[in-house]
Amino acid sequence: MFNATYKLTTATVYLFVVSFSLIFSGKISAASDPTRPLFGVPMQTTVKVKSSLLLQSVIKSGQSYKVIINGKLLSQGEIILTYTVTDIHASSVVLVSPEKRVVLSLFSDSKFVNVVNK
């Protein structure tokens, strides 16, 4: 009788430990990208950060685009703060500094921008 109870208790404890481990490992792995390689080249990360840069308008002038950022009219190649305007699209602009790449969009929350760390 004691052996049967001991085996049942051991099995119950084992089942509890395995279940507990699986539950928490699932939550931890869900927070990371399952397609990310374990080793090799580090991938670029994109995060939303509060920005002092505000894309107010994109203007098409002939075949080229100009943008208004923080009230300043800029063309491709011009500089605002520490960023160079590298690409202008119909509703967004790409700014690059030595540290990061920023994408401003007309139709996103104006307080936040996408930043891609190099």
PDB file of N, CA and C in Angstrom:
ATOM      1  N   MET A   1       0.822  -1.183   0.000  1.00  0.00           N
ATOM      2  CA  MET A   1       0.000   0.000   0.000  1.00  0.00           C
ATOM      3  C   MET A   1       0.878   1.263   0.000  1.00  0.00           C
ATOM      4  N   PHE A   2       1.917   1.274   0.817  1.00  0.00           N
ATOM      5  CA  PHE A   2       2.805   2.422   0.892  1.00  0.00           C
ATOM      6  C   PHE A   2       3.508   2.664  -0.448  1.00  0.00           C
ATOM      7  N   ASN A   3       3.961   1.592  -1.124  1.00  0.00           N
ATOM      8  CA  ASN A   3       4.633   1.728  -2.412  1.00  0.00           C
ATOM      9  C   ASN A   3       3.713   2.334  -3.457  1.00  0.00           C
ATOM     10  N   ALA A   4       2.462   1.923  -3.508  1.00  0.00           N
ATOM     11  CA  ALA A   4       1.507   2.465  -4.478  1.00  0.00           C
ATOM     12  C   ALA A   4       1.281   3.949  -4.228  1.00  0.00           C
ATOM     13  N   THR A   5       1.156   4.340  -2.985  1.00  0.00           N
ATOM     14  CA  THR A   5       0.966   5.749  -2.643  1.00  0.00           C
ATOM     15  C   THR A   5       2.213   6.549  -2.988  1.00  0.00           C
ATOM     16  N   TYR A   6       3.372   6.015  -2.704  1.00  0.00           N
ATOM     17  CA  TYR A   6       4.632   6.689  -3.010  1.00  0.00           C
ATOM     18  C   TYR A   6       4.781   6.880  -4.515  1.00  0.00           C
ATOM     19  N   LYS A   7       4.474   5.843  -5.306  1.00  0.00           N
ATOM     20  CA  LYS A   7       4.581   5.944  -6.764  1.00  0.00           C
ATOM     21  C   LYS A   7       3.599   6.972  -7.297  1.00  0.00           C
ATOM     22  N   LEU A   8       2.393   6.984  -6.759  1.00  0.00           N
ATOM     23  CA  LEU A   8       1.399   7.948  -7.192  1.00  0.00           C
ATOM     24  C   LEU A   8       1.849   9.365  -6.844  1.00  0.00           C
ATOM     25  N   THR A   9       2.387   9.552  -5.679  1.00  0.00           N
ATOM     26  CA  THR A   9       2.860  10.863  -5.257  1.00  0.00           C
ATOM     27  C   THR A   9       4.049  11.303  -6.104  1.00  0.00           C
ATOM     28  N   THR A  10       4.978  10.420  -6.377  1.00  0.00           N
ATOM     29  CA  THR A  10       6.132  10.744  -7.217  1.00  0.00           C
ATOM     30  C   THR A  10       5.674  11.105  -8.625  1.00  0.00           C
ATOM     31  N   ALA A  11       4.747  10.341  -9.168  1.00  0.00           N
ATOM     32  CA  ALA A  11       4.228  10.625 -10.506  1.00  0.00           C
ATOM     33  C   ALA A  11       3.506  11.968 -10.527  1.00  0.00           C
ATOM     34  N   THR A  12       2.760  12.265  -9.488  1.00  0.00           N
ATOM     35  CA  THR A  12       2.045  13.538  -9.409  1.00  0.00           C
ATOM     36  C   THR A  12       3.028  14.702  -9.333  1.00  0.00           C
ATOM     37  N   VAL A  13       4.046  14.569  -8.519  1.00  0.00           N
ATOM     38  CA  VAL A  13       5.061  15.619  -8.402  1.00  0.00           C
ATOM     39  C   VAL A  13       5.785  15.799  -9.733  1.00  0.00           C
ATOM     40  N   TYR A  14       6.155  14.706 -10.372  1.00  0.00           N
ATOM     41  CA  TYR A  14       6.839  14.764 -11.662  1.00  0.00           C
ATOM     42  C   TYR A  14       5.950  15.465 -12.693  1.00  0.00           C
ATOM     43  N   LEU A  15       4.676  15.088 -12.754  1.00  0.00           N
ATOM     44  CA  LEU A  15       3.732  15.695 -13.690  1.00  0.00           C
ATOM     45  C   LEU A  15       3.588  17.189 -13.402  1.00  0.00           C
ATOM     46  N   PHE A  16       3.524  17.549 -12.143  1.00  0.00           N
ATOM     47  CA  PHE A  16       3.415  18.950 -11.755  1.00  0.00           C
ATOM     48  C   PHE A  16       4.650  19.741 -12.199  1.00  0.00           C
ATOM     49  N   VAL A  17       5.831  19.198 -11.967  1.00  0.00           N
ATOM     50  CA  VAL A  17       7.079  19.879 -12.337  1.00  0.00           C
ATOM     51  C   VAL A  17       7.169  20.049 -13.851  1.00  0.00           C
ATOM     52  N   VAL A  18       6.837  19.013 -14.602  1.00  0.00           N
ATOM     53  CA  VAL A  18       6.891  19.088 -16.069  1.00  0.00           C
ATOM     54  C   VAL A  18       5.876  20.109 -16.579  1.00  0.00           C
ATOM     55  N   SER A  19       4.663  20.069 -16.059  1.00  0.00           N
ATOM     56  CA  SER A  19       3.628  21.024 -16.483  1.00  0.00           C
ATOM     57  C   SER A  19       4.048  22.453 -16.172  1.00  0.00           C
ATOM     58  N   PHE A  20       4.549  22.671 -14.983  1.00  0.00           N
ATOM     59  CA  PHE A  20       5.002  23.990 -14.564  1.00  0.00           C
ATOM     60  C   PHE A  20       6.117  24.494 -15.484  1.00  0.00           C
ATOM     61  N   SER A  21       7.059  23.633 -15.809  1.00  0.00           N
ATOM     62  CA  SER A  21       8.176  24.003 -16.690  1.00  0.00           C
ATOM     63  C   SER A  21       7.682  24.358 -18.081  1.00  0.00           C
ATOM     64  N   LEU A  22       6.761  23.578 -18.606  1.00  0.00           N
ATOM     65  CA  LEU A  22       6.236  23.842 -19.946  1.00  0.00           C
ATOM     66  C   LEU A  22       5.452  25.146 -20.000  1.00  0.00           C
ATOM     67  N   ILE A  23       4.688  25.415 -18.975  1.00  0.00           N
ATOM     68  CA  ILE A  23       3.905  26.650 -18.948  1.00  0.00           C
ATOM     69  C   ILE A  23       4.824  27.862 -18.990  1.00  0.00           C
ATOM     70  N   PHE A  24       5.854  27.886 -18.148  1.00  0.00           N
ATOM     71  CA  PHE A  24       6.727  29.048 -18.099  1.00  0.00           C
ATOM     72  C   PHE A  24       7.700  29.109 -19.264  1.00  0.00           C
ATOM     73  N   SER A  25       8.107  27.986 -19.812  1.00  0.00           N
ATOM     74  CA  SER A  25       8.991  28.038 -20.981  1.00  0.00           C
ATOM     75  C   SER A  25       8.224  28.560 -22.180  1.00  0.00           C
ATOM     76  N   GLY A  26       6.936  28.288 -22.272  1.00  0.00           N
ATOM     77  CA  GLY A  26       6.110  28.811 -23.361  1.00  0.00           C
ATOM     78  C   GLY A  26       5.992  30.316 -23.294  1.00  0.00           C
ATOM     79  N   LYS A  27       5.840  30.857 -22.096  1.00  0.00           N
ATOM     80  CA  LYS A  27       5.745  32.305 -21.947  1.00  0.00           C
ATOM     81  C   LYS A  27       7.067  32.978 -22.274  1.00  0.00           C
ATOM     82  N   ILE A  28       8.161  32.369 -21.900  1.00  0.00           N
ATOM     83  CA  ILE A  28       9.473  32.941 -22.187  1.00  0.00           C
ATOM     84  C   ILE A  28       9.758  32.882 -23.682  1.00  0.00           C
ATOM     85  N   SER A  29       9.499  31.756 -24.315  1.00  0.00           N
ATOM     86  CA  SER A  29       9.803  31.639 -25.741  1.00  0.00           C
ATOM     87  C   SER A  29       8.853  32.466 -26.583  1.00  0.00           C
ATOM     88  N   ALA A  30       7.640  32.732 -26.102  1.00  0.00           N
ATOM     89  CA  ALA A  30       6.709  33.558 -26.860  1.00  0.00           C
ATOM     90  C   ALA A  30       7.201  34.996 -26.944  1.00  0.00           C
ATOM     91  N   ALA A  31       8.012  35.422 -25.997  1.00  0.00           N
ATOM     92  CA  ALA A  31       8.518  36.785 -25.997  1.00  0.00           C
ATOM     93  C   ALA A  31       9.624  36.990 -27.022  1.00  0.00           C
ATOM     94  N   SER A  32      10.267  35.927 -27.474  1.00  0.00           N
ATOM     95  CA  SER A  32      11.333  36.057 -28.460  1.00  0.00           C
ATOM     96  C   SER A  32      10.851  35.570 -29.822  1.00  0.00           C
ATOM     97  N   ASP A  33      11.589  35.932 -30.847  1.00  0.00           N
ATOM     98  CA  ASP A  33      11.243  35.555 -32.214  1.00  0.00           C
ATOM     99  C   ASP A  33      11.643  34.107 -32.462  1.00  0.00           C
ATOM    100  N   PRO A  34      10.690  33.216 -32.721  1.00  0.00           N
ATOM    101  CA  PRO A  34      11.031  31.808 -32.924  1.00  0.00           C
ATOM    102  C   PRO A  34      11.772  31.548 -34.234  1.00  0.00           C
ATOM    103  N   THR A  35      11.734  32.504 -35.169  1.00  0.00           N
ATOM    104  CA  THR A  35      12.428  32.311 -36.446  1.00  0.00           C
ATOM    105  C   THR A  35      13.838  32.883 -36.434  1.00  0.00           C
ATOM    106  N   ARG A  36      14.206  33.545 -35.347  1.00  0.00           N
ATOM    107  CA  ARG A  36      15.535  34.149 -35.253  1.00  0.00           C
ATOM    108  C   ARG A  36      16.593  33.062 -35.152  1.00  0.00           C
ATOM    109  N   PRO A  37      17.666  33.171 -35.951  1.00  0.00           N
ATOM    110  CA  PRO A  37      18.738  32.183 -35.847  1.00  0.00           C
ATOM    111  C   PRO A  37      19.389  32.236 -34.466  1.00  0.00           C
ATOM    112  N   LEU A  38      19.800  31.065 -33.969  1.00  0.00           N
ATOM    113  CA  LEU A  38      20.446  31.017 -32.666  1.00  0.00           C
ATOM    114  C   LEU A  38      21.832  31.642 -32.704  1.00  0.00           C
ATOM    115  N   PHE A  39      22.533  31.445 -33.823  1.00  0.00           N
ATOM    116  CA  PHE A  39      23.889  31.955 -33.961  1.00  0.00           C
ATOM    117  C   PHE A  39      24.006  32.685 -35.284  1.00  0.00           C
ATOM    118  N   GLY A  40      25.059  33.437 -35.451  1.00  0.00           N
ATOM    119  CA  GLY A  40      25.301  34.091 -36.725  1.00  0.00           C
ATOM    120  C   GLY A  40      25.198  35.595 -36.604  1.00  0.00           C
ATOM    121  N   VAL A  41      24.856  36.218 -37.716  1.00  0.00           N
ATOM    122  CA  VAL A  41      24.806  37.667 -37.810  1.00  0.00           C
ATOM    123  C   VAL A  41      23.646  38.209 -36.980  1.00  0.00           C
ATOM    124  N   PRO A  42      23.902  39.189 -36.125  1.00  0.00           N
ATOM    125  CA  PRO A  42      22.792  39.773 -35.369  1.00  0.00           C
ATOM    126  C   PRO A  42      21.841  40.503 -36.307  1.00  0.00           C
ATOM    127  N   MET A  43      20.569  40.340 -36.052  1.00  0.00           N
ATOM    128  CA  MET A  43      19.559  40.961 -36.896  1.00  0.00           C
ATOM    129  C   MET A  43      19.327  42.397 -36.445  1.00  0.00           C
ATOM    130  N   GLN A  44      18.824  43.235 -37.380  1.00  0.00           N
ATOM    131  CA  GLN A  44      18.463  44.590 -37.019  1.00  0.00           C
ATOM    132  C   GLN A  44      17.205  44.536 -36.164  1.00  0.00           C
ATOM    133  N   THR A  45      17.107  45.450 -35.241  1.00  0.00           N
ATOM    134  CA  THR A  45      15.914  45.508 -34.414  1.00  0.00           C
ATOM    135  C   THR A  45      15.169  46.802 -34.690  1.00  0.00           C
ATOM    136  N   THR A  46      13.862  46.722 -34.689  1.00  0.00           N
ATOM    137  CA  THR A  46      13.033  47.898 -34.889  1.00  0.00           C
ATOM    138  C   THR A  46      12.228  48.133 -33.624  1.00  0.00           C
ATOM    139  N   VAL A  47      12.289  49.344 -33.123  1.00  0.00           N
ATOM    140  CA  VAL A  47      11.526  49.692 -31.932  1.00  0.00           C
ATOM    141  C   VAL A  47      10.829  51.026 -32.154  1.00  0.00           C
ATOM    142  N   LYS A  48       9.755  51.246 -31.417  1.00  0.00           N
ATOM    143  CA  LYS A  48       9.088  52.541 -31.470  1.00  0.00           C
ATOM    144  C   LYS A  48       9.584  53.367 -30.297  1.00  0.00           C
ATOM    145  N   VAL A  49      10.039  54.568 -30.601  1.00  0.00           N
ATOM    146  CA  VAL A  49      10.532  55.456 -29.555  1.00  0.00           C
ATOM    147  C   VAL A  49       9.879  56.824 -29.708  1.00  0.00           C
ATOM    148  N   LYS A  50       9.830  57.544 -28.605  1.00  0.00           N
ATOM    149  CA  LYS A  50       9.301  58.897 -28.648  1.00  0.00           C
ATOM    150  C   LYS A  50      10.280  59.757 -29.441  1.00  0.00           C
ATOM    151  N   SER A  51       9.747  60.608 -30.311  1.00  0.00           N
ATOM    152  CA  SER A  51      10.619  61.359 -31.198  1.00  0.00           C
ATOM    153  C   SER A  51      10.357  62.851 -31.113  1.00  0.00           C
ATOM    154  N   SER A  52      11.418  63.620 -31.340  1.00  0.00           N
ATOM    155  CA  SER A  52      11.275  65.063 -31.463  1.00  0.00           C
ATOM    156  C   SER A  52      11.125  65.443 -32.933  1.00  0.00           C
ATOM    157  N   LEU A  53      11.133  64.454 -33.820  1.00  0.00           N
ATOM    158  CA  LEU A  53      10.976  64.679 -35.253  1.00  0.00           C
ATOM    159  C   LEU A  53       9.533  64.401 -35.655  1.00  0.00           C
ATOM    160  N   LEU A  54       8.914  65.339 -36.360  1.00  0.00           N
ATOM    161  CA  LEU A  54       7.532  65.168 -36.792  1.00  0.00           C
ATOM    162  C   LEU A  54       7.439  65.390 -38.292  1.00  0.00           C
ATOM    163  N   LEU A  55       7.057  64.349 -39.019  1.00  0.00           N
ATOM    164  CA  LEU A  55       6.819  64.474 -40.457  1.00  0.00           C
ATOM    165  C   LEU A  55       5.452  65.115 -40.626  1.00  0.00           C
ATOM    166  N   GLN A  56       5.432  66.334 -41.178  1.00  0.00           N
ATOM    167  CA  GLN A  56       4.185  67.075 -41.305  1.00  0.00           C
ATOM    168  C   GLN A  56       3.592  66.982 -42.700  1.00  0.00           C
ATOM    169  N   SER A  57       4.447  66.820 -43.719  1.00  0.00           N
ATOM    170  CA  SER A  57       3.931  66.781 -45.083  1.00  0.00           C
ATOM    171  C   SER A  57       4.959  66.159 -46.020  1.00  0.00           C
ATOM    172  N   VAL A  58       4.444  65.516 -47.075  1.00  0.00           N
ATOM    173  CA  VAL A  58       5.278  65.037 -48.179  1.00  0.00           C
ATOM    174  C   VAL A  58       4.753  65.736 -49.424  1.00  0.00           C
ATOM    175  N   ILE A  59       5.643  66.396 -50.150  1.00  0.00           N
ATOM    176  CA  ILE A  59       5.254  67.183 -51.318  1.00  0.00           C
ATOM    177  C   ILE A  59       5.932  66.607 -52.549  1.00  0.00           C
ATOM    178  N   LYS A  60       5.130  66.309 -53.588  1.00  0.00           N
ATOM    179  CA  LYS A  60       5.707  65.836 -54.846  1.00  0.00           C
ATOM    180  C   LYS A  60       5.910  67.053 -55.736  1.00  0.00           C
ATOM    181  N   SER A  61       7.148  67.267 -56.148  1.00  0.00           N
ATOM    182  CA  SER A  61       7.508  68.403 -56.981  1.00  0.00           C
ATOM    183  C   SER A  61       8.137  67.866 -58.258  1.00  0.00           C
ATOM    184  N   GLY A  62       7.353  67.773 -59.326  1.00  0.00           N
ATOM    185  CA  GLY A  62       7.839  67.164 -60.563  1.00  0.00           C
ATOM    186  C   GLY A  62       8.062  65.683 -60.342  1.00  0.00           C
ATOM    187  N   GLN A  63       9.283  65.218 -60.549  1.00  0.00           N
ATOM    188  CA  GLN A  63       9.616  63.808 -60.336  1.00  0.00           C
ATOM    189  C   GLN A  63      10.219  63.546 -58.958  1.00  0.00           C
ATOM    190  N   SER A  64      10.435  64.594 -58.186  1.00  0.00           N
ATOM    191  CA  SER A  64      11.066  64.416 -56.873  1.00  0.00           C
ATOM    192  C   SER A  64      10.090  64.751 -55.744  1.00  0.00           C
ATOM    193  N   TYR A  65      10.469  64.314 -54.559  1.00  0.00           N
ATOM    194  CA  TYR A  65       9.674  64.580 -53.359  1.00  0.00           C
ATOM    195  C   TYR A  65      10.442  65.499 -52.425  1.00  0.00           C
ATOM    196  N   LYS A  66       9.700  66.296 -51.668  1.00  0.00           N
ATOM    197  CA  LYS A  66      10.248  67.089 -50.570  1.00  0.00           C
ATOM    198  C   LYS A  66       9.388  66.793 -49.351  1.00  0.00           C
ATOM    199  N   VAL A  67       9.953  67.017 -48.181  1.00  0.00           N
ATOM    200  CA  VAL A  67       9.208  66.772 -46.947  1.00  0.00           C
ATOM    201  C   VAL A  67       9.282  67.995 -46.046  1.00  0.00           C
ATOM    202  N   ILE A  68       8.293  68.108 -45.189  1.00  0.00           N
ATOM    203  CA  ILE A  68       8.341  69.116 -44.138  1.00  0.00           C
ATOM    204  C   ILE A  68       8.429  68.360 -42.819  1.00  0.00           C
ATOM    205  N   ILE A  69       9.564  68.527 -42.146  1.00  0.00           N
ATOM    206  CA  ILE A  69       9.808  67.903 -40.843  1.00  0.00           C
ATOM    207  C   ILE A  69      10.060  69.024 -39.846  1.00  0.00           C
ATOM    208  N   ASN A  70       9.268  69.047 -38.791  1.00  0.00           N
ATOM    209  CA  ASN A  70       9.373  70.088 -37.758  1.00  0.00           C
ATOM    210  C   ASN A  70       9.341  71.491 -38.368  1.00  0.00           C
ATOM    211  N   GLY A  71       8.517  71.680 -39.405  1.00  0.00           N
ATOM    212  CA  GLY A  71       8.360  72.986 -40.034  1.00  0.00           C
ATOM    213  C   GLY A  71       9.445  73.356 -41.022  1.00  0.00           C
ATOM    214  N   LYS A  72      10.395  72.460 -41.286  1.00  0.00           N
ATOM    215  CA  LYS A  72      11.513  72.743 -42.190  1.00  0.00           C
ATOM    216  C   LYS A  72      11.347  71.956 -43.484  1.00  0.00           C
ATOM    217  N   LEU A  73      11.414  72.643 -44.644  1.00  0.00           N
ATOM    218  CA  LEU A  73      11.310  72.002 -45.955  1.00  0.00           C
ATOM    219  C   LEU A  73      12.649  71.363 -46.308  1.00  0.00           C
ATOM    220  N   LEU A  74      12.632  70.055 -46.586  1.00  0.00           N
ATOM    221  CA  LEU A  74      13.866  69.307 -46.850  1.00  0.00           C
ATOM    222  C   LEU A  74      13.744  68.464 -48.106  1.00  0.00           C
ATOM    223  N   SER A  75      14.869  68.289 -48.789  1.00  0.00           N
ATOM    224  CA  SER A  75      14.972  67.393 -49.940  1.00  0.00           C
ATOM    225  C   SER A  75      15.890  66.238 -49.565  1.00  0.00           C
ATOM    226  N   GLN A  76      15.939  65.243 -50.445  1.00  0.00           N
ATOM    227  CA  GLN A  76      16.834  64.110 -50.215  1.00  0.00           C
ATOM    228  C   GLN A  76      18.275  64.613 -50.136  1.00  0.00           C
ATOM    229  N   GLY A  77      19.018  64.119 -49.132  1.00  0.00           N
ATOM    230  CA  GLY A  77      20.410  64.512 -48.938  1.00  0.00           C
ATOM    231  C   GLY A  77      20.600  65.638 -47.941  1.00  0.00           C
ATOM    232  N   GLU A  78      19.527  66.343 -47.582  1.00  0.00           N
ATOM    233  CA  GLU A  78      19.649  67.432 -46.615  1.00  0.00           C
ATOM    234  C   GLU A  78      19.635  66.883 -45.186  1.00  0.00           C
ATOM    235  N   ILE A  79      20.077  67.712 -44.246  1.00  0.00           N
ATOM    236  CA  ILE A  79      20.265  67.272 -42.861  1.00  0.00           C
ATOM    237  C   ILE A  79      19.331  68.035 -41.927  1.00  0.00           C
ATOM    238  N   ILE A  80      18.739  67.290 -40.980  1.00  0.00           N
ATOM    239  CA  ILE A  80      17.966  67.877 -39.885  1.00  0.00           C
ATOM    240  C   ILE A  80      18.452  67.229 -38.590  1.00  0.00           C
ATOM    241  N   LEU A  81      18.788  68.057 -37.614  1.00  0.00           N
ATOM    242  CA  LEU A  81      19.437  67.599 -36.381  1.00  0.00           C
ATOM    243  C   LEU A  81      20.681  66.802 -36.767  1.00  0.00           C
ATOM    244  N   THR A  82      20.771  65.530 -36.418  1.00  0.00           N
ATOM    245  CA  THR A  82      21.937  64.717 -36.803  1.00  0.00           C
ATOM    246  C   THR A  82      21.591  63.732 -37.910  1.00  0.00           C
ATOM    247  N   TYR A  83      20.407  63.874 -38.505  1.00  0.00           N
ATOM    248  CA  TYR A  83      19.924  62.905 -39.495  1.00  0.00           C
ATOM    249  C   TYR A  83      20.009  63.452 -40.911  1.00  0.00           C
ATOM    250  N   THR A  84      20.352  62.573 -41.848  1.00  0.00           N
ATOM    251  CA  THR A  84      20.346  62.893 -43.267  1.00  0.00           C
ATOM    252  C   THR A  84      19.114  62.264 -43.892  1.00  0.00           C
ATOM    253  N   VAL A  85      18.392  63.037 -44.702  1.00  0.00           N
ATOM    254  CA  VAL A  85      17.224  62.513 -45.417  1.00  0.00           C
ATOM    255  C   VAL A  85      17.749  61.628 -46.542  1.00  0.00           C
ATOM    256  N   THR A  86      17.489  60.315 -46.462  1.00  0.00           N
ATOM    257  CA  THR A  86      18.025  59.398 -47.471  1.00  0.00           C
ATOM    258  C   THR A  86      16.986  58.940 -48.483  1.00  0.00           C
ATOM    259  N   ASP A  87      15.756  58.717 -48.051  1.00  0.00           N
ATOM    260  CA  ASP A  87      14.696  58.262 -48.957  1.00  0.00           C
ATOM    261  C   ASP A  87      13.398  58.970 -48.609  1.00  0.00           C
ATOM    262  N   ILE A  88      12.690  59.409 -49.645  1.00  0.00           N
ATOM    263  CA  ILE A  88      11.376  60.018 -49.441  1.00  0.00           C
ATOM    264  C   ILE A  88      10.372  59.227 -50.265  1.00  0.00           C
ATOM    265  N   HIS A  89       9.302  58.813 -49.616  1.00  0.00           N
ATOM    266  CA  HIS A  89       8.228  58.065 -50.272  1.00  0.00           C
ATOM    267  C   HIS A  89       6.942  58.878 -50.165  1.00  0.00           C
ATOM    268  N   ALA A  90       5.868  58.391 -50.757  1.00  0.00           N
ATOM    269  CA  ALA A  90       4.604  59.127 -50.790  1.00  0.00           C
ATOM    270  C   ALA A  90       4.064  59.461 -49.402  1.00  0.00           C
ATOM    271  N   SER A  91       4.293  58.601 -48.420  1.00  0.00           N
ATOM    272  CA  SER A  91       3.749  58.873 -47.085  1.00  0.00           C
ATOM    273  C   SER A  91       4.764  58.666 -45.959  1.00  0.00           C
ATOM    274  N   SER A  92       6.041  58.559 -46.310  1.00  0.00           N
ATOM    275  CA  SER A  92       7.056  58.358 -45.275  1.00  0.00           C
ATOM    276  C   SER A  92       8.408  58.888 -45.743  1.00  0.00           C
ATOM    277  N   VAL A  93       9.317  58.991 -44.788  1.00  0.00           N
ATOM    278  CA  VAL A  93      10.674  59.446 -45.079  1.00  0.00           C
ATOM    279  C   VAL A  93      11.642  58.640 -44.217  1.00  0.00           C
ATOM    280  N   VAL A  94      12.817  58.360 -44.769  1.00  0.00           N
ATOM    281  CA  VAL A  94      13.852  57.626 -44.045  1.00  0.00           C
ATOM    282  C   VAL A  94      14.979  58.602 -43.718  1.00  0.00           C
ATOM    283  N   LEU A  95      15.332  58.644 -42.437  1.00  0.00           N
ATOM    284  CA  LEU A  95      16.422  59.487 -41.962  1.00  0.00           C
ATOM    285  C   LEU A  95      17.502  58.587 -41.381  1.00  0.00           C
ATOM    286  N   VAL A  96      18.766  58.918 -41.663  1.00  0.00           N
ATOM    287  CA  VAL A  96      19.874  58.092 -41.178  1.00  0.00           C
ATOM    288  C   VAL A  96      20.880  58.976 -40.452  1.00  0.00           C
ATOM    289  N   SER A  97      21.298  58.500 -39.282  1.00  0.00           N
ATOM    290  CA  SER A  97      22.383  59.145 -38.538  1.00  0.00           C
ATOM    291  C   SER A  97      23.484  58.101 -38.394  1.00  0.00           C
ATOM    292  N   PRO A  98      24.636  58.465 -37.855  1.00  0.00           N
ATOM    293  CA  PRO A  98      25.685  57.457 -37.665  1.00  0.00           C
ATOM    294  C   PRO A  98      25.257  56.305 -36.752  1.00  0.00           C
ATOM    295  N   GLU A  99      24.321  56.551 -35.839  1.00  0.00           N
ATOM    296  CA  GLU A  99      23.906  55.518 -34.889  1.00  0.00           C
ATOM    297  C   GLU A  99      22.670  54.738 -35.308  1.00  0.00           C
ATOM    298  N   LYS A 100      21.732  55.381 -36.008  1.00  0.00           N
ATOM    299  CA  LYS A 100      20.469  54.697 -36.282  1.00  0.00           C
ATOM    300  C   LYS A 100      19.795  55.164 -37.557  1.00  0.00           C
ATOM    301  N   ARG A 101      18.801  54.396 -37.931  1.00  0.00           N
ATOM    302  CA  ARG A 101      17.968  54.670 -39.106  1.00  0.00           C
ATOM    303  C   ARG A 101      16.547  54.881 -38.596  1.00  0.00           C
ATOM    304  N   VAL A 102      15.922  56.006 -38.957  1.00  0.00           N
ATOM    305  CA  VAL A 102      14.592  56.350 -38.472  1.00  0.00           C
ATOM    306  C   VAL A 102      13.639  56.456 -39.651  1.00  0.00           C
ATOM    307  N   VAL A 103      12.446  55.876 -39.498  1.00  0.00           N
ATOM    308  CA  VAL A 103      11.404  55.983 -40.514  1.00  0.00           C
ATOM    309  C   VAL A 103      10.256  56.781 -39.913  1.00  0.00           C
ATOM    310  N   LEU A 104       9.980  57.956 -40.496  1.00  0.00           N
ATOM    311  CA  LEU A 104       8.841  58.773 -40.077  1.00  0.00           C
ATOM    312  C   LEU A 104       7.707  58.534 -41.057  1.00  0.00           C
ATOM    313  N   SER A 105       6.492  58.445 -40.559  1.00  0.00           N
ATOM    314  CA  SER A 105       5.341  58.191 -41.413  1.00  0.00           C
ATOM    315  C   SER A 105       4.255  59.221 -41.137  1.00  0.00           C
ATOM    316  N   LEU A 106       3.520  59.590 -42.187  1.00  0.00           N
ATOM    317  CA  LEU A 106       2.420  60.530 -42.020  1.00  0.00           C
ATOM    318  C   LEU A 106       1.259  59.922 -41.258  1.00  0.00           C
ATOM    319  N   PHE A 107       1.029  58.631 -41.435  1.00  0.00           N
ATOM    320  CA  PHE A 107      -0.192  58.010 -40.938  1.00  0.00           C
ATOM    321  C   PHE A 107      -0.004  57.180 -39.686  1.00  0.00           C
ATOM    322  N   SER A 108       1.110  57.335 -38.992  1.00  0.00           N
ATOM    323  CA  SER A 108       1.294  56.630 -37.728  1.00  0.00           C
ATOM    324  C   SER A 108       1.107  57.625 -36.594  1.00  0.00           C
ATOM    325  N   ASP A 109       1.128  57.115 -35.375  1.00  0.00           N
ATOM    326  CA  ASP A 109       1.029  57.983 -34.209  1.00  0.00           C
ATOM    327  C   ASP A 109       2.179  58.981 -34.268  1.00  0.00           C
ATOM    328  N   SER A 110       1.863  60.252 -34.298  1.00  0.00           N
ATOM    329  CA  SER A 110       2.883  61.275 -34.540  1.00  0.00           C
ATOM    330  C   SER A 110       3.903  61.408 -33.415  1.00  0.00           C
ATOM    331  N   LYS A 111       3.636  60.828 -32.245  1.00  0.00           N
ATOM    332  CA  LYS A 111       4.584  60.938 -31.146  1.00  0.00           C
ATOM    333  C   LYS A 111       5.655  59.857 -31.201  1.00  0.00           C
ATOM    334  N   PHE A 112       5.470  58.854 -32.061  1.00  0.00           N
ATOM    335  CA  PHE A 112       6.399  57.736 -32.097  1.00  0.00           C
ATOM    336  C   PHE A 112       6.915  57.519 -33.513  1.00  0.00           C
ATOM    337  N   VAL A 113       8.135  57.008 -33.636  1.00  0.00           N
ATOM    338  CA  VAL A 113       8.726  56.681 -34.929  1.00  0.00           C
ATOM    339  C   VAL A 113       9.352  55.301 -34.839  1.00  0.00           C
ATOM    340  N   ASN A 114       9.545  54.672 -36.000  1.00  0.00           N
ATOM    341  CA  ASN A 114      10.245  53.393 -36.050  1.00  0.00           C
ATOM    342  C   ASN A 114      11.736  53.663 -36.142  1.00  0.00           C
ATOM    343  N   VAL A 115      12.495  53.062 -35.260  1.00  0.00           N
ATOM    344  CA  VAL A 115      13.947  53.214 -35.260  1.00  0.00           C
ATOM    345  C   VAL A 115      14.556  51.849 -35.499  1.00  0.00           C
ATOM    346  N   VAL A 116      15.429  51.752 -36.497  1.00  0.00           N
ATOM    347  CA  VAL A 116      16.132  50.510 -36.774  1.00  0.00           C
ATOM    348  C   VAL A 116      17.572  50.714 -36.358  1.00  0.00           C
ATOM    349  N   ASN A 117      17.999  49.984 -35.335  1.00  0.00           N
ATOM    350  CA  ASN A 117      19.387  50.089 -34.880  1.00  0.00           C
ATOM    351  C   ASN A 117      20.292  49.407 -35.881  1.00  0.00           C
ATOM    352  N   LYS A 118      21.386  50.060 -36.216  1.00  0.00           N
ATOM    353  CA  LYS A 118      22.320  49.500 -37.201  1.00  0.00           C
ATOM    354  C   LYS A 118      23.166  48.428 -36.590  1.00  0.00           C
TER     355      LYS A 118
END
